[in-house]
Amino acid sequence: MKYLIFLLALTSAPSYSQDESFRNEIVGTWVVGRSDEYFNKEWFTTQYFADGTALYKQFETRECISPVLIIKGAWSIKGGKLINTVLSSSGDYDVPVGMVFVDNIVELNSGKMVLFTDTNRTAYREKHETCI
């Protein structure tokens, strides 16, 4: 039994370590990446804060001046998954409070994030203060 517990501890350690690395790397502002199919078609910023909150702003144009949708949320990373929960939304349409988005993190380092989304597509994000 002692060996089983030790083995379980060893196999779960890398996942925790990777999640911790992801948590540190994700803090900041992210935009649609140049490799994403929606690059130059959708403009938004997602700010992930160290306290576990997030702010998503969607814009009509690439100038990213006046948001048409703002979502406040909470985020966490567990088992290599990015979990976003909607806390409030305002703008052109409402996103239900409590709605949860779970995306698998494929890559998250050096200002690049690749997610396999809960809608079965690969999303590319880049760390950048404004839309690109």
N, C-alpha and C. Protein backbone atom coordinates (compact mmCIF):
# COMPACT_ATOMS: atom_id res chain seq x y z
N MET A 1 0.83 -1.20 0.00
CA MET A 1 0.00 0.00 0.00
C MET A 1 0.87 1.26 0.00
N LYS A 2 1.96 1.24 0.79
CA LYS A 2 2.85 2.40 0.82
C LYS A 2 3.42 2.68 -0.56
N TYR A 3 3.74 1.61 -1.28
CA TYR A 3 4.34 1.77 -2.61
C TYR A 3 3.33 2.35 -3.59
N LEU A 4 2.08 1.95 -3.47
CA LEU A 4 1.04 2.46 -4.35
C LEU A 4 0.86 3.97 -4.14
N ILE A 5 0.83 4.40 -2.90
CA ILE A 5 0.69 5.82 -2.60
C ILE A 5 1.90 6.59 -3.13
N PHE A 6 3.09 6.04 -2.95
CA PHE A 6 4.30 6.68 -3.45
C PHE A 6 4.26 6.79 -4.97
N LEU A 7 3.83 5.72 -5.64
CA LEU A 7 3.74 5.71 -7.10
C LEU A 7 2.72 6.74 -7.59
N LEU A 8 1.59 6.82 -6.92
CA LEU A 8 0.58 7.81 -7.29
C LEU A 8 1.11 9.23 -7.10
N ALA A 9 1.85 9.46 -6.05
CA ALA A 9 2.43 10.78 -5.81
C ALA A 9 3.43 11.14 -6.91
N LEU A 10 4.21 10.18 -7.33
CA LEU A 10 5.18 10.44 -8.40
C LEU A 10 4.51 10.76 -9.72
N THR A 11 3.45 10.05 -10.05
CA THR A 11 2.80 10.26 -11.35
C THR A 11 1.96 11.53 -11.37
N SER A 12 1.50 12.01 -10.23
CA SER A 12 0.70 13.23 -10.23
C SER A 12 1.58 14.48 -10.12
N ALA A 13 2.80 14.36 -9.68
CA ALA A 13 3.68 15.51 -9.50
C ALA A 13 3.94 16.27 -10.80
N PRO A 14 4.25 15.61 -11.92
CA PRO A 14 4.49 16.37 -13.14
C PRO A 14 3.28 17.17 -13.60
N SER A 15 2.08 16.64 -13.43
CA SER A 15 0.88 17.36 -13.83
C SER A 15 0.72 18.62 -12.99
N TYR A 16 0.94 18.52 -11.68
CA TYR A 16 0.85 19.68 -10.81
C TYR A 16 1.90 20.70 -11.20
N SER A 17 3.11 20.24 -11.45
CA SER A 17 4.20 21.13 -11.84
C SER A 17 3.88 21.84 -13.15
N GLN A 18 3.35 21.10 -14.11
CA GLN A 18 2.99 21.70 -15.40
C GLN A 18 1.85 22.69 -15.23
N ASP A 19 0.85 22.34 -14.44
CA ASP A 19 -0.26 23.26 -14.18
C ASP A 19 0.26 24.55 -13.55
N GLU A 20 1.18 24.43 -12.62
CA GLU A 20 1.75 25.60 -11.95
C GLU A 20 2.49 26.48 -12.95
N SER A 21 3.23 25.87 -13.84
CA SER A 21 3.92 26.60 -14.89
C SER A 21 2.92 27.32 -15.80
N PHE A 22 1.85 26.62 -16.18
CA PHE A 22 0.80 27.22 -17.00
C PHE A 22 0.16 28.41 -16.28
N ARG A 23 -0.10 28.26 -14.98
CA ARG A 23 -0.73 29.35 -14.21
C ARG A 23 0.13 30.61 -14.22
N ASN A 24 1.42 30.42 -14.12
CA ASN A 24 2.33 31.57 -14.15
C ASN A 24 2.39 32.20 -15.54
N GLU A 25 2.42 31.38 -16.56
CA GLU A 25 2.58 31.86 -17.93
C GLU A 25 1.32 32.54 -18.47
N ILE A 26 0.16 32.14 -18.01
CA ILE A 26 -1.09 32.65 -18.60
C ILE A 26 -1.41 34.08 -18.17
N VAL A 27 -0.88 34.52 -17.05
CA VAL A 27 -1.19 35.87 -16.57
C VAL A 27 -0.74 36.90 -17.60
N GLY A 28 -1.68 37.76 -18.00
CA GLY A 28 -1.41 38.78 -19.00
C GLY A 28 -2.57 38.88 -19.98
N THR A 29 -2.35 39.59 -21.07
CA THR A 29 -3.38 39.81 -22.08
C THR A 29 -3.09 38.98 -23.31
N TRP A 30 -4.12 38.30 -23.81
CA TRP A 30 -4.01 37.39 -24.95
C TRP A 30 -4.96 37.83 -26.06
N VAL A 31 -4.53 37.62 -27.30
CA VAL A 31 -5.33 37.98 -28.48
C VAL A 31 -5.33 36.81 -29.46
N VAL A 32 -6.17 36.90 -30.50
CA VAL A 32 -6.19 35.88 -31.55
C VAL A 32 -4.82 35.84 -32.20
N GLY A 33 -4.24 34.64 -32.27
CA GLY A 33 -2.90 34.49 -32.84
C GLY A 33 -2.90 34.49 -34.35
N ARG A 34 -1.75 34.79 -34.90
CA ARG A 34 -1.62 34.87 -36.36
C ARG A 34 -1.92 33.54 -37.06
N SER A 35 -1.75 32.43 -36.37
CA SER A 35 -2.01 31.11 -36.97
C SER A 35 -3.47 30.67 -36.85
N ASP A 36 -4.27 31.43 -36.12
CA ASP A 36 -5.66 31.06 -35.89
C ASP A 36 -6.52 31.33 -37.12
N GLU A 37 -7.49 30.47 -37.37
CA GLU A 37 -8.38 30.64 -38.53
C GLU A 37 -9.20 31.93 -38.44
N TYR A 38 -9.34 32.50 -37.24
CA TYR A 38 -10.11 33.72 -37.07
C TYR A 38 -9.24 34.98 -37.03
N PHE A 39 -7.94 34.84 -37.27
CA PHE A 39 -7.06 36.00 -37.30
C PHE A 39 -7.54 36.96 -38.39
N ASN A 40 -7.64 38.23 -38.04
CA ASN A 40 -8.15 39.29 -38.92
C ASN A 40 -9.64 39.14 -39.25
N LYS A 41 -10.33 38.28 -38.50
CA LYS A 41 -11.78 38.12 -38.67
C LYS A 41 -12.51 38.42 -37.36
N GLU A 42 -11.85 38.15 -36.24
CA GLU A 42 -12.41 38.43 -34.91
C GLU A 42 -11.35 39.16 -34.11
N TRP A 43 -11.80 40.13 -33.31
CA TRP A 43 -10.86 40.90 -32.51
C TRP A 43 -11.34 40.89 -31.06
N PHE A 44 -10.47 40.41 -30.20
CA PHE A 44 -10.78 40.39 -28.78
C PHE A 44 -9.49 40.34 -27.97
N THR A 45 -9.63 40.72 -26.71
CA THR A 45 -8.54 40.54 -25.76
C THR A 45 -9.10 39.74 -24.59
N THR A 46 -8.28 38.88 -24.04
CA THR A 46 -8.62 38.18 -22.81
C THR A 46 -7.49 38.43 -21.83
N GLN A 47 -7.83 39.07 -20.71
CA GLN A 47 -6.84 39.33 -19.67
C GLN A 47 -7.03 38.31 -18.56
N TYR A 48 -5.96 37.59 -18.25
CA TYR A 48 -5.96 36.65 -17.14
C TYR A 48 -5.15 37.29 -16.01
N PHE A 49 -5.78 37.44 -14.85
CA PHE A 49 -5.13 38.06 -13.71
C PHE A 49 -4.65 36.99 -12.73
N ALA A 50 -3.60 37.31 -11.97
CA ALA A 50 -3.00 36.36 -11.04
C ALA A 50 -3.98 35.91 -9.95
N ASP A 51 -5.01 36.71 -9.66
CA ASP A 51 -5.97 36.34 -8.61
C ASP A 51 -7.04 35.37 -9.09
N GLY A 52 -6.92 34.90 -10.35
CA GLY A 52 -7.88 33.92 -10.86
C GLY A 52 -9.10 34.52 -11.54
N THR A 53 -9.08 35.83 -11.76
CA THR A 53 -10.17 36.47 -12.50
C THR A 53 -9.72 36.72 -13.94
N ALA A 54 -10.70 36.94 -14.80
CA ALA A 54 -10.42 37.18 -16.22
C ALA A 54 -11.37 38.24 -16.75
N LEU A 55 -10.92 38.92 -17.80
CA LEU A 55 -11.74 39.93 -18.45
C LEU A 55 -11.60 39.75 -19.96
N TYR A 56 -12.72 39.46 -20.61
CA TYR A 56 -12.76 39.24 -22.06
C TYR A 56 -13.47 40.42 -22.68
N LYS A 57 -12.87 40.99 -23.72
CA LYS A 57 -13.51 42.09 -24.46
C LYS A 57 -13.49 41.75 -25.94
N GLN A 58 -14.66 41.79 -26.55
CA GLN A 58 -14.78 41.55 -27.99
C GLN A 58 -15.07 42.87 -28.68
N PHE A 59 -14.42 43.06 -29.84
CA PHE A 59 -14.54 44.32 -30.58
C PHE A 59 -15.05 44.05 -31.99
N GLU A 60 -15.66 45.08 -32.60
CA GLU A 60 -16.15 44.96 -33.98
C GLU A 60 -15.03 45.14 -35.00
N THR A 61 -14.04 45.96 -34.65
CA THR A 61 -12.98 46.28 -35.60
C THR A 61 -11.61 46.01 -35.00
N ARG A 62 -10.61 45.95 -35.87
CA ARG A 62 -9.24 45.65 -35.44
C ARG A 62 -8.61 46.75 -34.59
N GLU A 63 -9.22 47.94 -34.57
CA GLU A 63 -8.67 49.02 -33.74
C GLU A 63 -8.88 48.73 -32.25
N CYS A 64 -9.84 47.87 -31.96
CA CYS A 64 -10.10 47.43 -30.58
C CYS A 64 -10.31 48.60 -29.62
N ILE A 65 -11.20 49.50 -30.03
CA ILE A 65 -11.44 50.68 -29.21
C ILE A 65 -12.70 50.53 -28.36
N SER A 66 -13.82 50.22 -28.97
CA SER A 66 -15.09 50.14 -28.25
C SER A 66 -15.56 48.69 -28.20
N PRO A 67 -15.55 48.08 -27.00
CA PRO A 67 -15.99 46.69 -26.93
C PRO A 67 -17.49 46.55 -27.17
N VAL A 68 -17.87 45.49 -27.89
CA VAL A 68 -19.28 45.19 -28.10
C VAL A 68 -19.76 44.11 -27.14
N LEU A 69 -18.82 43.47 -26.47
CA LEU A 69 -19.13 42.45 -25.48
C LEU A 69 -18.03 42.43 -24.43
N ILE A 70 -18.42 42.42 -23.17
CA ILE A 70 -17.47 42.31 -22.06
C ILE A 70 -17.94 41.17 -21.17
N ILE A 71 -17.02 40.25 -20.89
CA ILE A 71 -17.33 39.13 -20.00
C ILE A 71 -16.32 39.16 -18.85
N LYS A 72 -16.83 39.14 -17.63
CA LYS A 72 -15.99 38.99 -16.45
C LYS A 72 -16.11 37.54 -16.02
N GLY A 73 -14.98 36.96 -15.66
CA GLY A 73 -15.01 35.55 -15.30
C GLY A 73 -13.95 35.16 -14.30
N ALA A 74 -13.93 33.87 -14.03
CA ALA A 74 -12.91 33.27 -13.17
C ALA A 74 -12.25 32.16 -13.96
N TRP A 75 -10.95 31.98 -13.76
CA TRP A 75 -10.22 30.94 -14.48
C TRP A 75 -9.43 30.08 -13.50
N SER A 76 -9.18 28.86 -13.93
CA SER A 76 -8.29 27.96 -13.19
C SER A 76 -7.67 27.00 -14.20
N ILE A 77 -6.60 26.36 -13.79
CA ILE A 77 -5.95 25.35 -14.62
C ILE A 77 -5.80 24.10 -13.78
N LYS A 78 -6.35 23.01 -14.28
CA LYS A 78 -6.29 21.73 -13.56
C LYS A 78 -6.09 20.61 -14.57
N GLY A 79 -5.08 19.80 -14.36
CA GLY A 79 -4.84 18.66 -15.23
C GLY A 79 -4.61 19.04 -16.68
N GLY A 80 -3.96 20.19 -16.89
CA GLY A 80 -3.68 20.63 -18.25
C GLY A 80 -4.88 21.22 -18.97
N LYS A 81 -5.93 21.53 -18.22
CA LYS A 81 -7.14 22.12 -18.81
C LYS A 81 -7.33 23.54 -18.29
N LEU A 82 -7.66 24.45 -19.19
CA LEU A 82 -8.00 25.82 -18.83
C LEU A 82 -9.51 25.88 -18.65
N ILE A 83 -9.94 26.26 -17.46
CA ILE A 83 -11.36 26.29 -17.12
C ILE A 83 -11.76 27.75 -16.89
N ASN A 84 -12.67 28.25 -17.72
CA ASN A 84 -13.18 29.62 -17.61
C ASN A 84 -14.66 29.56 -17.25
N THR A 85 -15.04 30.32 -16.22
CA THR A 85 -16.43 30.38 -15.77
C THR A 85 -16.92 31.82 -15.88
N VAL A 86 -18.06 32.01 -16.52
CA VAL A 86 -18.64 33.34 -16.70
C VAL A 86 -19.25 33.81 -15.38
N LEU A 87 -18.84 35.02 -14.94
CA LEU A 87 -19.41 35.62 -13.74
C LEU A 87 -20.41 36.72 -14.09
N SER A 88 -20.17 37.43 -15.20
CA SER A 88 -21.11 38.44 -15.69
C SER A 88 -20.77 38.77 -17.13
N SER A 89 -21.76 39.31 -17.84
CA SER A 89 -21.51 39.74 -19.22
C SER A 89 -22.40 40.93 -19.54
N SER A 90 -21.92 41.76 -20.45
CA SER A 90 -22.71 42.90 -20.91
C SER A 90 -22.30 43.22 -22.34
N GLY A 91 -23.23 43.78 -23.06
CA GLY A 91 -22.93 44.15 -24.44
C GLY A 91 -24.02 43.72 -25.39
N ASP A 92 -23.62 43.47 -26.62
CA ASP A 92 -24.56 43.15 -27.69
C ASP A 92 -25.39 41.89 -27.43
N TYR A 93 -24.84 40.96 -26.69
CA TYR A 93 -25.60 39.77 -26.32
C TYR A 93 -25.09 39.26 -24.99
N ASP A 94 -25.94 38.56 -24.27
CA ASP A 94 -25.57 38.06 -22.95
C ASP A 94 -25.05 36.64 -23.04
N VAL A 95 -24.03 36.38 -22.27
CA VAL A 95 -23.52 35.03 -22.09
C VAL A 95 -23.99 34.61 -20.70
N PRO A 96 -24.63 33.47 -20.57
CA PRO A 96 -25.21 33.08 -19.28
C PRO A 96 -24.19 33.00 -18.15
N VAL A 97 -24.54 33.60 -17.02
CA VAL A 97 -23.71 33.50 -15.82
C VAL A 97 -23.62 32.03 -15.43
N GLY A 98 -22.43 31.60 -15.08
CA GLY A 98 -22.22 30.21 -14.70
C GLY A 98 -21.78 29.32 -15.85
N MET A 99 -21.87 29.81 -17.07
CA MET A 99 -21.42 29.02 -18.22
C MET A 99 -19.93 28.73 -18.07
N VAL A 100 -19.55 27.49 -18.37
CA VAL A 100 -18.16 27.05 -18.18
C VAL A 100 -17.59 26.61 -19.52
N PHE A 101 -16.38 27.07 -19.80
CA PHE A 101 -15.64 26.66 -21.00
C PHE A 101 -14.41 25.90 -20.54
N VAL A 102 -14.19 24.71 -21.06
CA VAL A 102 -13.04 23.89 -20.68
C VAL A 102 -12.24 23.58 -21.94
N ASP A 103 -11.01 24.07 -21.98
CA ASP A 103 -10.14 23.87 -23.13
C ASP A 103 -8.88 23.13 -22.70
N ASN A 104 -8.42 22.19 -23.53
CA ASN A 104 -7.17 21.48 -23.27
C ASN A 104 -6.00 22.36 -23.70
N ILE A 105 -5.03 22.51 -22.83
CA ILE A 105 -3.85 23.29 -23.16
C ILE A 105 -2.87 22.38 -23.91
N VAL A 106 -2.62 22.71 -25.16
CA VAL A 106 -1.67 21.96 -25.98
C VAL A 106 -0.28 22.54 -25.77
N GLU A 107 -0.20 23.87 -25.73
CA GLU A 107 1.07 24.57 -25.55
C GLU A 107 0.80 25.89 -24.86
N LEU A 108 1.66 26.26 -23.93
CA LEU A 108 1.56 27.56 -23.26
C LEU A 108 2.94 27.94 -22.76
N ASN A 109 3.65 28.70 -23.58
CA ASN A 109 4.96 29.20 -23.19
C ASN A 109 5.43 30.27 -24.15
N SER A 110 6.36 31.06 -23.71
CA SER A 110 6.99 32.10 -24.54
C SER A 110 5.97 32.98 -25.25
N GLY A 111 4.87 33.30 -24.58
CA GLY A 111 3.89 34.21 -25.16
C GLY A 111 3.00 33.59 -26.22
N LYS A 112 3.00 32.27 -26.31
CA LYS A 112 2.13 31.57 -27.26
C LYS A 112 1.28 30.56 -26.51
N MET A 113 0.01 30.48 -26.91
CA MET A 113 -0.90 29.52 -26.30
C MET A 113 -1.65 28.81 -27.42
N VAL A 114 -1.68 27.49 -27.33
CA VAL A 114 -2.45 26.68 -28.27
C VAL A 114 -3.43 25.87 -27.43
N LEU A 115 -4.70 25.98 -27.77
CA LEU A 115 -5.76 25.29 -27.03
C LEU A 115 -6.54 24.40 -27.98
N PHE A 116 -6.94 23.24 -27.48
CA PHE A 116 -7.94 22.45 -28.19
C PHE A 116 -9.23 22.72 -27.45
N THR A 117 -10.14 23.42 -28.12
CA THR A 117 -11.31 23.97 -27.43
C THR A 117 -12.41 22.94 -27.21
N ASP A 118 -13.37 23.35 -26.38
CA ASP A 118 -14.52 22.49 -26.12
C ASP A 118 -15.47 22.44 -27.31
N THR A 119 -15.16 23.19 -28.38
CA THR A 119 -15.92 23.10 -29.63
C THR A 119 -15.12 22.35 -30.70
N ASN A 120 -14.10 21.62 -30.25
CA ASN A 120 -13.29 20.74 -31.12
C ASN A 120 -12.52 21.48 -32.21
N ARG A 121 -11.94 22.59 -31.87
CA ARG A 121 -11.06 23.27 -32.82
C ARG A 121 -9.79 23.68 -32.10
N THR A 122 -8.74 23.90 -32.87
CA THR A 122 -7.48 24.36 -32.30
C THR A 122 -7.46 25.88 -32.37
N ALA A 123 -7.26 26.51 -31.22
CA ALA A 123 -7.22 27.97 -31.13
C ALA A 123 -5.80 28.41 -30.81
N TYR A 124 -5.35 29.43 -31.50
CA TYR A 124 -4.00 29.97 -31.30
C TYR A 124 -4.12 31.36 -30.70
N ARG A 125 -3.38 31.60 -29.63
CA ARG A 125 -3.39 32.89 -28.95
C ARG A 125 -1.96 33.39 -28.81
N GLU A 126 -1.83 34.72 -28.79
CA GLU A 126 -0.54 35.36 -28.58
C GLU A 126 -0.69 36.37 -27.45
N LYS A 127 0.35 36.47 -26.63
CA LYS A 127 0.35 37.44 -25.55
C LYS A 127 0.68 38.80 -26.16
N HIS A 128 -0.26 39.72 -26.03
CA HIS A 128 -0.11 41.04 -26.63
C HIS A 128 -1.09 41.97 -25.94
N GLU A 129 -0.69 43.20 -25.69
CA GLU A 129 -1.54 44.13 -24.95
C GLU A 129 -2.77 44.60 -25.73
N THR A 130 -2.67 44.63 -27.06
CA THR A 130 -3.79 45.08 -27.88
C THR A 130 -3.98 44.12 -29.05
N CYS A 131 -5.08 44.27 -29.75
CA CYS A 131 -5.34 43.43 -30.93
C CYS A 131 -4.21 43.59 -31.94
N ILE A 132 -3.94 42.52 -32.68
CA ILE A 132 -2.89 42.58 -33.72
C ILE A 132 -3.50 42.27 -35.07
